[in-house]
């Protein structure tokens, strides 16, 4: 069985992506636990991110309720984390 609702947040990103750096920094500063999938180190994971989002844009942030954001603003992420009672 594949896990469609992970226990933690998963973020697909790359070190050259400014939006990825910003979102990663936000999660770190909020102390939210997440799994970071580095698409530079693991290029095959880009296919997984695209399968989830239907787009090639990053970051893709997948939440424990199986919803996701693509290129979210800090406000989008914070609102979702509040909705899930993670902050």
N, C-alpha and C. Protein backbone atom coordinates (compact mmCIF):
# COMPACT_ATOMS: atom_id res chain seq x y z
N UNK A 1 0.84 -1.19 0.00
CA UNK A 1 0.00 0.00 0.00
C UNK A 1 0.88 1.25 0.00
N UNK A 2 0.58 2.17 -0.86
CA UNK A 2 1.36 3.41 -0.89
C UNK A 2 0.72 4.40 0.07
N UNK A 3 1.56 5.21 0.67
CA UNK A 3 1.09 6.19 1.63
C UNK A 3 0.65 7.45 0.90
N UNK A 4 -0.64 7.68 0.85
CA UNK A 4 -1.13 8.89 0.20
C UNK A 4 -1.24 10.03 1.21
N UNK A 5 -1.24 9.71 2.49
CA UNK A 5 -1.30 10.74 3.53
C UNK A 5 -0.08 10.58 4.44
N UNK A 6 1.02 11.24 4.09
CA UNK A 6 2.22 11.09 4.90
C UNK A 6 2.02 11.66 6.31
N UNK A 7 2.81 11.16 7.25
CA UNK A 7 2.74 11.64 8.63
C UNK A 7 3.25 13.07 8.74
N UNK A 8 4.22 13.40 7.90
CA UNK A 8 4.80 14.73 7.95
C UNK A 8 4.63 15.40 6.59
N UNK A 9 5.07 16.64 6.54
CA UNK A 9 5.07 17.38 5.29
C UNK A 9 6.24 16.90 4.44
N UNK A 10 6.03 16.84 3.14
CA UNK A 10 7.12 16.55 2.21
C UNK A 10 7.23 17.75 1.28
N UNK A 11 8.46 18.23 1.13
CA UNK A 11 8.71 19.35 0.24
C UNK A 11 9.69 18.93 -0.84
N UNK A 12 9.28 19.07 -2.09
CA UNK A 12 10.15 18.81 -3.23
C UNK A 12 10.74 20.15 -3.66
N UNK A 13 12.07 20.25 -3.72
CA UNK A 13 12.67 21.52 -4.09
C UNK A 13 14.10 21.36 -4.59
N UNK A 14 14.72 22.48 -4.86
CA UNK A 14 16.10 22.50 -5.35
C UNK A 14 16.82 23.72 -4.79
N UNK A 15 18.13 23.60 -4.61
CA UNK A 15 18.89 24.68 -3.98
C UNK A 15 19.03 25.92 -4.87
N UNK A 16 18.72 25.80 -6.16
CA UNK A 16 18.81 26.95 -7.07
C UNK A 16 17.48 27.71 -7.17
N UNK A 17 16.46 27.21 -6.51
CA UNK A 17 15.11 27.75 -6.61
C UNK A 17 14.85 28.71 -5.44
N UNK A 18 14.65 30.00 -5.75
CA UNK A 18 14.43 30.99 -4.69
C UNK A 18 13.16 30.71 -3.88
N UNK A 19 12.08 30.29 -4.54
CA UNK A 19 10.85 29.96 -3.81
C UNK A 19 11.06 28.77 -2.88
N UNK A 20 11.87 27.81 -3.32
CA UNK A 20 12.17 26.63 -2.48
C UNK A 20 12.94 27.05 -1.23
N UNK A 21 13.96 27.90 -1.44
CA UNK A 21 14.77 28.38 -0.32
C UNK A 21 13.89 29.12 0.68
N UNK A 22 12.98 29.96 0.18
CA UNK A 22 12.09 30.74 1.05
C UNK A 22 11.15 29.82 1.84
N UNK A 23 10.55 28.86 1.17
CA UNK A 23 9.61 27.95 1.84
C UNK A 23 10.33 27.07 2.86
N UNK A 24 11.51 26.59 2.50
CA UNK A 24 12.31 25.75 3.41
C UNK A 24 12.67 26.57 4.67
N UNK A 25 13.08 27.82 4.46
CA UNK A 25 13.43 28.70 5.58
C UNK A 25 12.22 28.93 6.48
N UNK A 26 11.05 29.12 5.87
CA UNK A 26 9.83 29.34 6.65
C UNK A 26 9.53 28.12 7.52
N UNK A 27 9.58 26.93 6.94
CA UNK A 27 9.30 25.71 7.71
C UNK A 27 10.32 25.54 8.84
N UNK A 28 11.59 25.81 8.53
CA UNK A 28 12.64 25.72 9.56
C UNK A 28 12.38 26.70 10.70
N UNK A 29 12.06 27.95 10.35
CA UNK A 29 11.82 28.97 11.38
C UNK A 29 10.60 28.67 12.23
N UNK A 30 9.59 28.04 11.63
CA UNK A 30 8.38 27.68 12.37
C UNK A 30 8.57 26.40 13.19
N UNK A 31 9.68 25.70 12.96
CA UNK A 31 9.95 24.47 13.69
C UNK A 31 9.04 23.33 13.27
N UNK A 32 8.57 23.39 12.03
CA UNK A 32 7.68 22.35 11.52
C UNK A 32 8.53 21.21 10.95
N UNK A 33 8.19 19.99 11.34
CA UNK A 33 8.91 18.83 10.84
C UNK A 33 8.50 18.55 9.40
N UNK A 34 9.48 18.28 8.55
CA UNK A 34 9.18 17.97 7.15
C UNK A 34 10.30 17.14 6.55
N UNK A 35 9.97 16.49 5.47
CA UNK A 35 10.96 15.75 4.70
C UNK A 35 11.27 16.57 3.46
N UNK A 36 12.56 16.83 3.24
CA UNK A 36 12.98 17.61 2.08
C UNK A 36 13.50 16.67 1.01
N UNK A 37 12.92 16.74 -0.18
CA UNK A 37 13.37 15.93 -1.31
C UNK A 37 14.14 16.85 -2.24
N UNK A 38 15.45 16.67 -2.28
CA UNK A 38 16.35 17.51 -3.08
C UNK A 38 16.36 17.02 -4.52
N UNK A 39 15.76 17.81 -5.40
CA UNK A 39 15.64 17.39 -6.80
C UNK A 39 16.97 17.50 -7.56
N UNK A 40 17.95 18.17 -6.99
CA UNK A 40 19.30 18.19 -7.58
C UNK A 40 19.98 16.85 -7.29
N UNK A 41 19.89 16.41 -6.04
CA UNK A 41 20.50 15.14 -5.64
C UNK A 41 19.71 13.94 -6.14
N UNK A 42 18.41 14.12 -6.33
CA UNK A 42 17.53 13.02 -6.71
C UNK A 42 16.62 13.47 -7.86
N UNK A 43 17.19 13.63 -9.07
CA UNK A 43 16.41 14.15 -10.20
C UNK A 43 15.18 13.32 -10.54
N UNK A 44 15.21 12.03 -10.28
CA UNK A 44 14.06 11.17 -10.58
C UNK A 44 12.84 11.57 -9.76
N UNK A 45 13.07 12.17 -8.61
CA UNK A 45 11.96 12.59 -7.75
C UNK A 45 11.15 13.71 -8.40
N UNK A 46 11.72 14.39 -9.39
CA UNK A 46 10.98 15.44 -10.09
C UNK A 46 9.74 14.86 -10.76
N UNK A 47 9.84 13.62 -11.22
CA UNK A 47 8.68 12.96 -11.81
C UNK A 47 7.58 12.75 -10.77
N UNK A 48 7.97 12.44 -9.54
CA UNK A 48 6.99 12.25 -8.46
C UNK A 48 6.32 13.58 -8.16
N UNK A 49 7.12 14.65 -8.06
CA UNK A 49 6.56 15.98 -7.79
C UNK A 49 5.60 16.39 -8.90
N UNK A 50 5.97 16.11 -10.15
CA UNK A 50 5.10 16.46 -11.27
C UNK A 50 3.81 15.64 -11.24
N UNK A 51 3.94 14.36 -10.86
CA UNK A 51 2.76 13.49 -10.77
C UNK A 51 1.79 14.02 -9.71
N UNK A 52 2.33 14.51 -8.61
CA UNK A 52 1.50 15.06 -7.53
C UNK A 52 0.81 16.34 -7.98
N UNK A 53 1.59 17.25 -8.57
CA UNK A 53 1.07 18.59 -8.84
C UNK A 53 0.51 18.78 -10.25
N UNK A 54 0.91 17.93 -11.18
CA UNK A 54 0.50 18.10 -12.56
C UNK A 54 1.26 19.21 -13.26
N UNK A 55 2.29 19.73 -12.59
CA UNK A 55 3.08 20.83 -13.13
C UNK A 55 4.57 20.55 -12.89
N UNK A 56 5.42 21.34 -13.54
CA UNK A 56 6.86 21.18 -13.32
C UNK A 56 7.41 22.26 -12.39
N UNK A 57 6.54 23.11 -11.86
CA UNK A 57 6.97 24.17 -10.95
C UNK A 57 7.32 23.59 -9.59
N UNK A 58 8.29 24.23 -8.92
CA UNK A 58 8.65 23.85 -7.56
C UNK A 58 8.74 25.12 -6.72
N UNK A 59 8.64 25.03 -5.41
CA UNK A 59 8.50 23.79 -4.66
C UNK A 59 7.08 23.21 -4.73
N UNK A 60 7.03 21.92 -4.48
CA UNK A 60 5.75 21.24 -4.27
C UNK A 60 5.77 20.82 -2.80
N UNK A 61 4.79 21.29 -2.06
CA UNK A 61 4.69 20.98 -0.63
C UNK A 61 3.46 20.10 -0.45
N UNK A 62 3.70 18.88 0.06
CA UNK A 62 2.61 17.92 0.28
C UNK A 62 2.36 17.84 1.78
N UNK A 63 1.11 18.01 2.16
CA UNK A 63 0.73 18.06 3.57
C UNK A 63 0.20 16.71 4.05
N UNK A 64 0.15 16.51 5.37
CA UNK A 64 -0.32 15.23 5.92
C UNK A 64 -1.73 14.85 5.50
N UNK A 65 -2.56 15.83 5.10
CA UNK A 65 -3.92 15.50 4.66
C UNK A 65 -3.98 15.19 3.17
N UNK A 66 -2.79 15.03 2.54
CA UNK A 66 -2.63 14.66 1.12
C UNK A 66 -2.93 15.83 0.17
N UNK A 67 -3.21 17.02 0.71
CA UNK A 67 -3.33 18.19 -0.16
C UNK A 67 -1.93 18.69 -0.46
N UNK A 68 -1.82 19.60 -1.42
CA UNK A 68 -0.50 20.13 -1.75
C UNK A 68 -0.59 21.57 -2.25
N UNK A 69 0.54 22.23 -2.20
CA UNK A 69 0.71 23.56 -2.79
C UNK A 69 1.85 23.49 -3.79
N UNK A 70 1.74 24.29 -4.85
CA UNK A 70 2.83 24.46 -5.81
C UNK A 70 3.21 25.94 -5.77
N UNK A 71 4.50 26.21 -5.57
CA UNK A 71 4.99 27.59 -5.46
C UNK A 71 4.15 28.42 -4.48
N UNK A 72 3.94 27.93 -3.26
CA UNK A 72 3.07 28.66 -2.33
C UNK A 72 3.74 29.92 -1.79
N UNK A 73 2.92 30.89 -1.45
CA UNK A 73 3.43 32.06 -0.72
C UNK A 73 3.59 31.64 0.74
N UNK A 74 4.32 32.45 1.50
CA UNK A 74 4.45 32.17 2.93
C UNK A 74 3.09 32.18 3.61
N UNK A 75 2.20 33.07 3.17
CA UNK A 75 0.85 33.14 3.74
C UNK A 75 0.07 31.86 3.46
N UNK A 76 0.21 31.32 2.24
CA UNK A 76 -0.47 30.06 1.89
C UNK A 76 -0.02 28.93 2.82
N UNK A 77 1.30 28.84 2.99
CA UNK A 77 1.86 27.77 3.83
C UNK A 77 1.39 27.94 5.28
N UNK A 78 1.50 29.16 5.80
CA UNK A 78 1.10 29.41 7.19
C UNK A 78 -0.38 29.09 7.40
N UNK A 79 -1.23 29.49 6.45
CA UNK A 79 -2.67 29.21 6.58
C UNK A 79 -2.93 27.71 6.62
N UNK A 80 -2.25 26.96 5.77
CA UNK A 80 -2.45 25.51 5.73
C UNK A 80 -1.93 24.87 7.02
N UNK A 81 -0.78 25.33 7.50
CA UNK A 81 -0.24 24.78 8.74
C UNK A 81 -1.16 25.06 9.92
N UNK A 82 -1.79 26.24 9.94
CA UNK A 82 -2.77 26.55 10.99
C UNK A 82 -4.00 25.64 10.85
N UNK A 83 -4.46 25.46 9.62
CA UNK A 83 -5.63 24.59 9.38
C UNK A 83 -5.38 23.18 9.91
N UNK A 84 -4.14 22.70 9.74
CA UNK A 84 -3.77 21.36 10.19
C UNK A 84 -3.30 21.32 11.64
N UNK A 85 -3.36 22.47 12.31
CA UNK A 85 -2.93 22.62 13.71
C UNK A 85 -1.47 22.21 13.88
N UNK A 86 -0.63 22.56 12.90
CA UNK A 86 0.79 22.26 12.99
C UNK A 86 1.59 23.46 13.51
N UNK A 87 0.94 24.64 13.54
CA UNK A 87 1.56 25.82 14.17
C UNK A 87 0.49 26.50 15.01
